[in-house]
């Protein structure tokens, strides 16, 4: 489900196709998916380090997480679109 929102934002698919494509991308790019999850966990830990960072995390934490996923998924989608036979 990590790639579901970026897929919905970039392509016109149904819900079932989006979930299937998200699972396929996560399997195909397993290393990058683990890296994204690791970065998201690091962001979570950093935002829960003390009360000042916790307040900062409440204000900007979701935005950081969305930006992290979007940045990685954009590069993955560009690689997928370069493949022969890929539909844009």
Foldseek 3Di string as FASTA:
>chain_A
DLCLVVCVVPDDDDPVVSVVVVVVLCVVPVVVVVVLVVVLVVLVCQCPVDDVSVVVCVVCVVVVNVVSSNVSVVVVVVVQCVDPPDDD
